[in-house]
Amino acid sequence: MTTTADERTRIVSEPAAARGGDDRVDLGSFRVVHTRHWFRWALAALVIFFVAQFAWSLVTNANYEWDVFAKYFFSEPVLIGVGYTLALTAISATIGFVLGTLLALARLSKSSLLNAAAWSYIWFFRSVPLVVQIIVWYNLGYLYPTLGLGTPFTTDFWIVEFPTVQLISAFAAAILGLSLHQAAYSAEIIRGGLLSVDQGQTEAAAALGIPASKRLLRIILPQAMRSIIPNATNEVIGLVKGASVVFVIAIPEVFYAVQVIYNRNSRVIPLLLVAVVWYTIITTILSIAQFYIERHYARGAVRVLPPTPIQRFRHWSSVQWARLGDDKAAPPPLAGADAAPLVVAAQQGTRNDATFSGGTGA
């Protein structure tokens, strides 16, 4: 016999005397009825339909020319372009974030001169478009034919002198433009992360006599990283795609490489898909790295770290194995770090599912 929701509410809420003196209620015999989220299911079905429709068009539409895509995906010019893209991103991001950290500290400095200089740098490089910066650096020899060390405020005596055209190549101009541009945005990201840390942390560390450098590196910065990492990863991903603007100075990164190819064979769409897939692969790798870095810096801020995809798969596989086999053949349940996040999540889900209308289940 199935007990209705009203009867369950009455049984749980009625005093023991009204139920004939028996104060024991077998809650295990009640059937838990989960809430049906019809709107959520309908929306999910609609999303699945559109995704399936798009996937079907990818397979059946001959204009995508997947044979051309496969031919050029691992071609030598494209792989060289991917290498240039990764090199530009890695070098520019490193220089940009190191310089951005110094600018952020200068912005937080009590020195008016340092604060004004850092603010002026950030204001200028955020105002000038990136492509303009790269072109100016590439044509710096027009403004300054030579660079070196000599007598200040004169052009008559040089101790060391270098021709600007030889000193700044196309690759160096791209690195300078991307790095200096990235530093301006990185500075604001890092400054915002440092300001997000409670001021009491700094005051407590200062009261204990901890030097300012250790306060920053061991106390403030690790806490600020939880706010810095998501925005910093967005900037690095943007830099991967933003590096495509260096095609204006003929650096053969991946977008320039596919441009050269489709200008010869007129296969625009499949060659653009080659670039899109490579950008997607790089972005996916960076997103996975972001997940694990955020998880590392979440230690101490949350009681239980979120389970990794590997931990979720191990738990799911062990549950499926236990359902298929008998109890003796089933593997032991997860323990330790693998089990803790999943156990906590299961307990929270159990508490939520056990809530009745008009009362709370045990």
Protein backbone atom coordinates (compact mmCIF):
# COMPACT_ATOMS: atom_id res chain seq x y z
CA MET A 1 0.00 0.00 0.00
CA THR A 2 1.48 3.33 -1.03
CA THR A 3 1.40 6.16 1.49
CA THR A 4 0.46 9.56 0.13
CA ALA A 5 2.35 12.76 0.92
CA ASP A 6 -0.46 14.06 3.19
CA GLU A 7 -0.50 10.81 5.18
CA ARG A 8 3.29 10.91 5.60
CA THR A 9 3.10 14.50 6.82
CA ARG A 10 0.33 13.58 9.28
CA ILE A 11 2.21 10.56 10.63
CA VAL A 12 5.45 12.48 11.14
CA SER A 13 3.79 15.54 12.73
CA GLU A 14 1.15 13.78 14.92
CA PRO A 15 2.02 13.26 18.60
CA ALA A 16 2.71 9.70 19.74
CA ALA A 17 -0.41 9.65 21.94
CA ALA A 18 -2.64 10.41 18.96
CA ARG A 19 -1.18 7.43 17.10
CA GLY A 20 -2.12 4.98 19.85
CA GLY A 21 0.95 5.38 22.06
CA ASP A 22 3.48 3.90 19.63
CA ASP A 23 6.22 6.52 19.27
CA ARG A 24 8.20 4.52 16.71
CA VAL A 25 7.66 5.39 13.05
CA ASP A 26 9.32 3.31 10.35
CA LEU A 27 10.47 6.06 7.97
CA GLY A 28 12.29 3.48 5.86
CA SER A 29 8.96 2.19 4.55
CA PHE A 30 8.12 5.55 2.99
CA ARG A 31 8.74 5.98 -0.70
CA VAL A 32 10.64 9.17 -1.52
CA VAL A 33 9.04 10.97 -4.46
CA HIS A 34 11.48 13.22 -6.25
CA THR A 35 10.37 16.55 -7.67
CA ARG A 36 9.82 16.42 -11.41
CA HIS A 37 11.47 19.34 -13.16
CA TRP A 38 9.45 19.38 -16.37
CA PHE A 39 10.79 22.72 -17.60
CA ARG A 40 14.38 21.64 -17.02
CA TRP A 41 13.81 18.39 -18.91
CA ALA A 42 12.11 20.18 -21.80
CA LEU A 43 14.95 22.68 -22.06
CA ALA A 44 17.53 19.88 -21.95
CA ALA A 45 15.68 18.02 -24.71
CA LEU A 46 15.64 21.19 -26.81
CA VAL A 47 19.38 21.69 -26.35
CA ILE A 48 20.06 18.06 -27.26
CA PHE A 49 17.93 18.45 -30.39
CA PHE A 50 19.84 21.52 -31.61
CA VAL A 51 23.23 19.95 -30.84
CA ALA A 52 22.23 16.76 -32.68
CA GLN A 53 20.95 18.79 -35.63
CA PHE A 54 24.22 20.72 -35.84
CA ALA A 55 26.29 17.53 -35.55
CA TRP A 56 24.20 15.95 -38.33
CA SER A 57 24.85 18.96 -40.58
CA LEU A 58 28.59 18.68 -39.94
CA VAL A 59 28.53 15.10 -41.21
CA THR A 60 26.17 15.50 -44.16
CA ASN A 61 27.12 18.95 -45.50
CA ALA A 62 29.73 18.40 -48.22
CA ASN A 63 30.75 22.07 -48.20
CA TYR A 64 32.80 21.53 -45.06
CA GLU A 65 35.21 19.41 -47.15
CA TRP A 66 36.51 17.25 -44.34
CA ASP A 67 38.95 15.54 -46.69
CA VAL A 68 40.71 18.88 -47.23
CA PHE A 69 40.61 19.48 -43.48
CA ALA A 70 42.30 16.12 -42.81
CA LYS A 71 44.91 16.78 -45.49
CA TYR A 72 46.13 20.05 -43.98
CA PHE A 73 45.51 19.52 -40.26
CA PHE A 74 48.97 18.00 -39.68
CA SER A 75 50.69 19.67 -42.62
CA GLU A 76 54.13 21.16 -41.97
CA PRO A 77 53.15 24.87 -42.40
CA VAL A 78 50.25 24.47 -39.97
CA LEU A 79 52.38 22.69 -37.36
CA ILE A 80 55.04 25.40 -37.67
CA GLY A 81 52.28 27.97 -37.18
CA VAL A 82 51.06 26.17 -34.06
CA GLY A 83 54.61 26.22 -32.73
CA TYR A 84 54.87 29.99 -33.31
CA THR A 85 51.50 30.53 -31.62
CA LEU A 86 52.54 28.55 -28.55
CA ALA A 87 55.91 30.30 -28.37
CA LEU A 88 54.37 33.76 -28.68
CA THR A 89 51.77 32.92 -26.04
CA ALA A 90 54.20 31.40 -23.53
CA ILE A 91 56.84 34.14 -23.78
CA SER A 92 54.37 37.03 -23.86
CA ALA A 93 52.27 35.67 -20.99
CA THR A 94 55.35 35.13 -18.81
CA ILE A 95 56.76 38.61 -19.45
CA GLY A 96 53.30 40.18 -19.23
CA PHE A 97 52.41 38.68 -15.86
CA VAL A 98 55.83 39.34 -14.32
CA LEU A 99 55.69 42.96 -15.43
CA GLY A 100 52.01 43.12 -14.48
CA THR A 101 52.84 41.98 -10.94
CA LEU A 102 55.39 44.79 -10.59
CA LEU A 103 52.86 47.30 -11.94
CA ALA A 104 50.16 46.03 -9.54
CA LEU A 105 52.53 46.41 -6.59
CA ALA A 106 53.43 49.90 -7.79
CA ARG A 107 49.72 50.76 -8.00
CA LEU A 108 49.31 49.64 -4.38
CA SER A 109 52.47 51.43 -3.28
CA LYS A 110 52.33 54.43 -0.95
CA SER A 111 54.75 56.24 -3.28
CA SER A 112 52.82 58.77 -5.35
CA LEU A 113 55.46 58.67 -8.08
CA LEU A 114 55.32 54.87 -8.49
CA ASN A 115 51.54 54.90 -8.33
CA ALA A 116 51.26 57.59 -11.00
CA ALA A 117 53.84 55.92 -13.27
CA ALA A 118 52.07 52.54 -13.06
CA TRP A 119 48.66 54.12 -13.65
CA SER A 120 49.99 56.02 -16.69
CA TYR A 121 51.47 52.83 -18.16
CA ILE A 122 48.22 50.92 -17.72
CA TRP A 123 46.17 53.80 -19.11
CA PHE A 124 48.36 54.17 -22.21
CA PHE A 125 48.70 50.51 -23.19
CA ARG A 126 45.01 49.82 -22.64
CA SER A 127 44.17 52.80 -24.85
CA VAL A 128 46.31 51.91 -27.88
CA PRO A 129 45.07 48.96 -30.02
CA LEU A 130 47.31 45.91 -30.00
CA VAL A 131 47.81 45.84 -33.77
CA VAL A 132 49.01 49.46 -33.68
CA GLN A 133 51.55 48.63 -30.97
CA ILE A 134 52.94 45.72 -32.97
CA ILE A 135 53.26 47.80 -36.15
CA VAL A 136 55.00 50.63 -34.26
CA TRP A 137 57.50 48.24 -32.69
CA TYR A 138 58.15 46.65 -36.08
CA ASN A 139 58.80 50.09 -37.63
CA LEU A 140 60.74 51.50 -34.68
CA GLY A 141 63.76 51.98 -36.92
CA TYR A 142 61.92 54.79 -38.70
CA LEU A 143 61.73 56.77 -35.44
CA TYR A 144 65.04 55.68 -33.89
CA PRO A 145 67.54 54.35 -36.46
CA THR A 146 70.03 53.43 -33.72
CA LEU A 147 69.78 52.44 -30.06
CA GLY A 148 72.58 52.15 -27.52
CA LEU A 149 74.46 53.74 -24.62
CA GLY A 150 76.07 57.14 -24.87
CA THR A 151 76.11 60.67 -23.51
CA PRO A 152 72.65 61.56 -22.14
CA PHE A 153 70.59 64.09 -24.09
CA THR A 154 72.99 64.06 -27.04
CA THR A 155 73.41 62.08 -30.24
CA ASP A 156 77.12 62.79 -30.79
CA PHE A 157 78.89 60.21 -28.63
CA TRP A 158 77.93 56.53 -28.37
CA ILE A 159 79.66 53.93 -26.20
CA VAL A 160 77.61 51.02 -27.60
CA GLU A 161 75.40 51.41 -30.66
CA PHE A 162 73.05 49.00 -32.45
CA PRO A 163 71.01 49.44 -35.65
CA THR A 164 67.35 49.23 -34.65
CA VAL A 165 66.42 47.23 -37.75
CA GLN A 166 68.80 44.45 -36.74
CA LEU A 167 67.99 44.67 -33.03
CA ILE A 168 64.20 44.35 -33.33
CA SER A 169 63.15 41.59 -35.69
CA ALA A 170 59.57 40.73 -36.56
CA PHE A 171 59.43 38.10 -33.81
CA ALA A 172 60.92 40.53 -31.25
CA ALA A 173 58.41 43.21 -32.28
CA ALA A 174 55.55 40.74 -31.78
CA ILE A 175 56.87 39.74 -28.34
CA LEU A 176 57.26 43.39 -27.28
CA GLY A 177 53.78 44.33 -28.47
CA LEU A 178 52.03 41.34 -26.94
CA SER A 179 53.97 41.44 -23.64
CA LEU A 180 53.61 45.16 -22.95
CA HIS A 181 49.94 45.06 -23.93
CA GLN A 182 49.33 42.01 -21.72
CA ALA A 183 51.13 43.58 -18.75
CA ALA A 184 48.61 46.42 -18.57
CA TYR A 185 45.67 44.02 -18.24
CA SER A 186 47.52 41.60 -15.98
CA ALA A 187 48.36 44.42 -13.58
CA GLU A 188 44.69 45.18 -12.97
CA ILE A 189 43.83 41.49 -12.56
CA ILE A 190 46.59 40.98 -9.98
CA ARG A 191 45.76 44.24 -8.18
CA GLY A 192 42.13 43.17 -7.90
CA GLY A 193 43.18 39.80 -6.52
CA LEU A 194 45.43 41.39 -3.89
CA LEU A 195 42.68 43.78 -2.84
CA SER A 196 40.26 40.85 -2.44
CA VAL A 197 42.30 39.48 0.50
CA ASP A 198 41.00 40.69 3.85
CA GLN A 199 43.12 43.49 5.27
CA GLY A 200 43.21 41.73 8.61
CA GLN A 201 45.53 39.13 7.09
CA THR A 202 48.14 41.78 6.37
CA GLU A 203 47.70 43.41 9.77
CA ALA A 204 48.00 40.09 11.61
CA ALA A 205 51.14 39.15 9.66
CA ALA A 206 52.67 42.56 10.34
CA ALA A 207 51.84 42.24 14.04
CA LEU A 208 53.77 38.94 14.12
CA GLY A 209 56.82 40.69 12.67
CA ILE A 210 56.77 38.88 9.31
CA PRO A 211 58.76 40.83 6.67
CA ALA A 212 56.79 42.51 3.89
CA SER A 213 58.20 40.24 1.18
CA LYS A 214 57.17 37.08 3.04
CA ARG A 215 53.78 38.58 3.85
CA LEU A 216 53.21 39.03 0.14
CA LEU A 217 54.59 35.71 -1.10
CA ARG A 218 53.48 33.37 1.70
CA ILE A 219 50.22 34.88 2.98
CA ILE A 220 48.61 37.45 0.66
CA LEU A 221 49.42 36.10 -2.81
CA PRO A 222 48.32 32.46 -2.18
CA GLN A 223 44.92 33.72 -0.99
CA ALA A 224 44.67 36.18 -3.87
CA MET A 225 45.37 33.43 -6.41
CA ARG A 226 41.79 32.12 -6.08
CA SER A 227 40.59 35.43 -7.55
CA ILE A 228 43.48 35.86 -9.96
CA ILE A 229 43.53 32.43 -11.65
CA PRO A 230 40.14 32.55 -13.50
CA ASN A 231 40.75 36.00 -14.93
CA ALA A 232 44.40 35.26 -15.67
CA THR A 233 43.43 32.13 -17.58
CA ASN A 234 40.94 34.15 -19.61
CA GLU A 235 43.74 36.56 -20.49
CA VAL A 236 46.07 33.74 -21.55
CA ILE A 237 43.34 32.18 -23.70
CA GLY A 238 42.67 35.59 -25.20
CA LEU A 239 46.39 35.93 -25.85
CA VAL A 240 46.41 32.63 -27.77
CA LYS A 241 43.83 34.01 -30.18
CA GLY A 242 45.12 37.57 -29.96
CA ALA A 243 48.48 36.37 -31.23
CA SER A 244 46.82 36.01 -34.63
CA VAL A 245 47.16 39.79 -35.15
CA VAL A 246 50.90 39.34 -35.73
CA PHE A 247 50.03 38.26 -39.27
CA VAL A 248 50.31 42.00 -40.10
CA ILE A 249 54.09 41.68 -39.80
CA ALA A 250 54.17 38.31 -41.63
CA ILE A 251 54.94 36.00 -38.70
CA PRO A 252 53.76 32.52 -39.75
CA GLU A 253 51.59 31.68 -36.75
CA VAL A 254 48.70 29.27 -37.27
CA PHE A 255 46.17 31.78 -38.63
CA TYR A 256 48.72 33.26 -41.04
CA ALA A 257 49.67 29.75 -42.17
CA VAL A 258 46.10 28.79 -43.07
CA GLN A 259 45.61 32.16 -44.77
CA VAL A 260 48.56 31.52 -47.06
CA ILE A 261 47.22 28.06 -47.92
CA TYR A 262 43.62 29.07 -48.68
CA ASN A 263 44.81 32.03 -50.73
CA ARG A 264 46.49 29.48 -53.00
CA ASN A 265 43.80 26.78 -53.21
CA SER A 266 40.63 28.82 -52.37
CA ARG A 267 39.50 26.25 -49.77
CA VAL A 268 38.59 28.89 -47.17
CA ILE A 269 36.16 27.01 -44.90
CA PRO A 270 38.15 23.78 -44.34
CA LEU A 271 41.36 25.76 -43.75
CA LEU A 272 39.63 28.03 -41.25
CA LEU A 273 38.31 24.90 -39.52
CA VAL A 274 41.91 23.71 -39.20
CA ALA A 275 42.78 26.90 -37.30
CA VAL A 276 39.59 26.70 -35.21
CA VAL A 277 40.28 23.11 -34.11
CA TRP A 278 43.89 23.92 -33.17
CA TYR A 279 42.75 26.93 -31.14
CA THR A 280 40.13 24.71 -29.49
CA ILE A 281 42.73 22.10 -28.52
CA ILE A 282 45.01 24.73 -26.97
CA THR A 283 42.10 26.33 -25.11
CA THR A 284 40.96 22.94 -23.78
CA ILE A 285 44.42 22.19 -22.41
CA LEU A 286 44.55 25.60 -20.70
CA SER A 287 41.06 25.06 -19.24
CA ILE A 288 42.11 21.71 -17.75
CA ALA A 289 45.21 23.34 -16.27
CA GLN A 290 42.99 26.07 -14.81
CA PHE A 291 40.81 23.46 -13.06
CA TYR A 292 43.75 21.82 -11.31
CA ILE A 293 45.42 25.12 -10.40
CA GLU A 294 42.18 26.43 -8.90
CA ARG A 295 41.77 23.15 -7.03
CA HIS A 296 45.31 23.48 -5.64
CA TYR A 297 44.70 26.98 -4.30
CA ALA A 298 41.29 25.98 -2.90
CA ARG A 299 43.02 24.00 -0.15
CA GLY A 300 42.27 25.63 3.17
CA ALA A 301 39.41 27.66 1.72
CA VAL A 302 36.96 24.75 1.40
CA ARG A 303 36.52 21.78 3.70
CA VAL A 304 36.53 19.18 0.93
CA LEU A 305 38.16 19.68 -2.46
CA PRO A 306 35.91 19.05 -5.47
CA PRO A 307 36.48 15.62 -7.02
CA THR A 308 38.58 15.47 -10.14
CA PRO A 309 37.21 13.82 -13.31
CA ILE A 310 39.45 10.80 -12.63
CA GLN A 311 38.05 10.45 -9.11
CA ARG A 312 34.50 10.71 -10.44
CA PHE A 313 35.22 8.04 -13.05
CA ARG A 314 36.75 5.70 -10.45
CA HIS A 315 33.71 6.10 -8.20
CA TRP A 316 31.29 5.59 -11.10
CA SER A 317 33.14 2.49 -12.34
CA SER A 318 33.25 0.96 -8.86
CA VAL A 319 29.51 1.52 -8.43
CA GLN A 320 28.75 -0.03 -11.82
CA TRP A 321 31.02 -2.99 -11.07
CA ALA A 322 29.25 -3.55 -7.75
CA ARG A 323 25.87 -3.54 -9.46
CA LEU A 324 26.92 -6.07 -12.10
CA GLY A 325 28.72 -8.51 -9.82
CA ASP A 326 28.02 -10.00 -6.43
CA ASP A 327 29.24 -8.47 -3.18
CA LYS A 328 32.33 -10.67 -3.04
CA ALA A 329 33.47 -9.82 -6.53
CA ALA A 330 32.78 -6.10 -6.19
CA PRO A 331 35.81 -3.88 -5.58
CA PRO A 332 36.11 -2.11 -2.22
CA PRO A 333 34.53 1.35 -1.97
CA LEU A 334 36.64 4.43 -2.51
CA ALA A 335 38.53 5.68 0.48
CA GLY A 336 40.66 8.63 1.37
CA ALA A 337 40.96 11.61 -0.94
CA ASP A 338 39.02 9.94 -3.74
CA ALA A 339 35.99 9.20 -1.59
CA ALA A 340 35.73 12.31 0.58
CA PRO A 341 34.27 14.72 -1.99
CA LEU A 342 31.84 12.15 -3.33
CA VAL A 343 30.73 11.05 0.13
CA VAL A 344 30.03 14.64 1.17
CA ALA A 345 28.09 15.27 -2.04
CA ALA A 346 26.07 12.08 -1.51
CA GLN A 347 25.26 13.05 2.07
CA GLN A 348 24.09 16.48 1.00
CA GLY A 349 21.95 14.93 -1.74
CA THR A 350 20.45 12.44 0.77
CA ARG A 351 19.53 15.25 3.17
CA ASN A 352 17.89 17.18 0.35
CA ASP A 353 15.94 14.15 -0.93
CA ALA A 354 14.72 13.23 2.55
CA THR A 355 12.91 16.55 3.10
CA PHE A 356 9.13 16.11 3.33
CA SER A 357 6.45 18.72 3.00
CA GLY A 358 5.71 19.97 6.53
CA GLY A 359 8.68 18.20 8.14
CA THR A 360 12.23 16.98 7.61
CA GLY A 361 13.19 13.34 7.27
CA ALA A 362 15.99 11.80 9.33
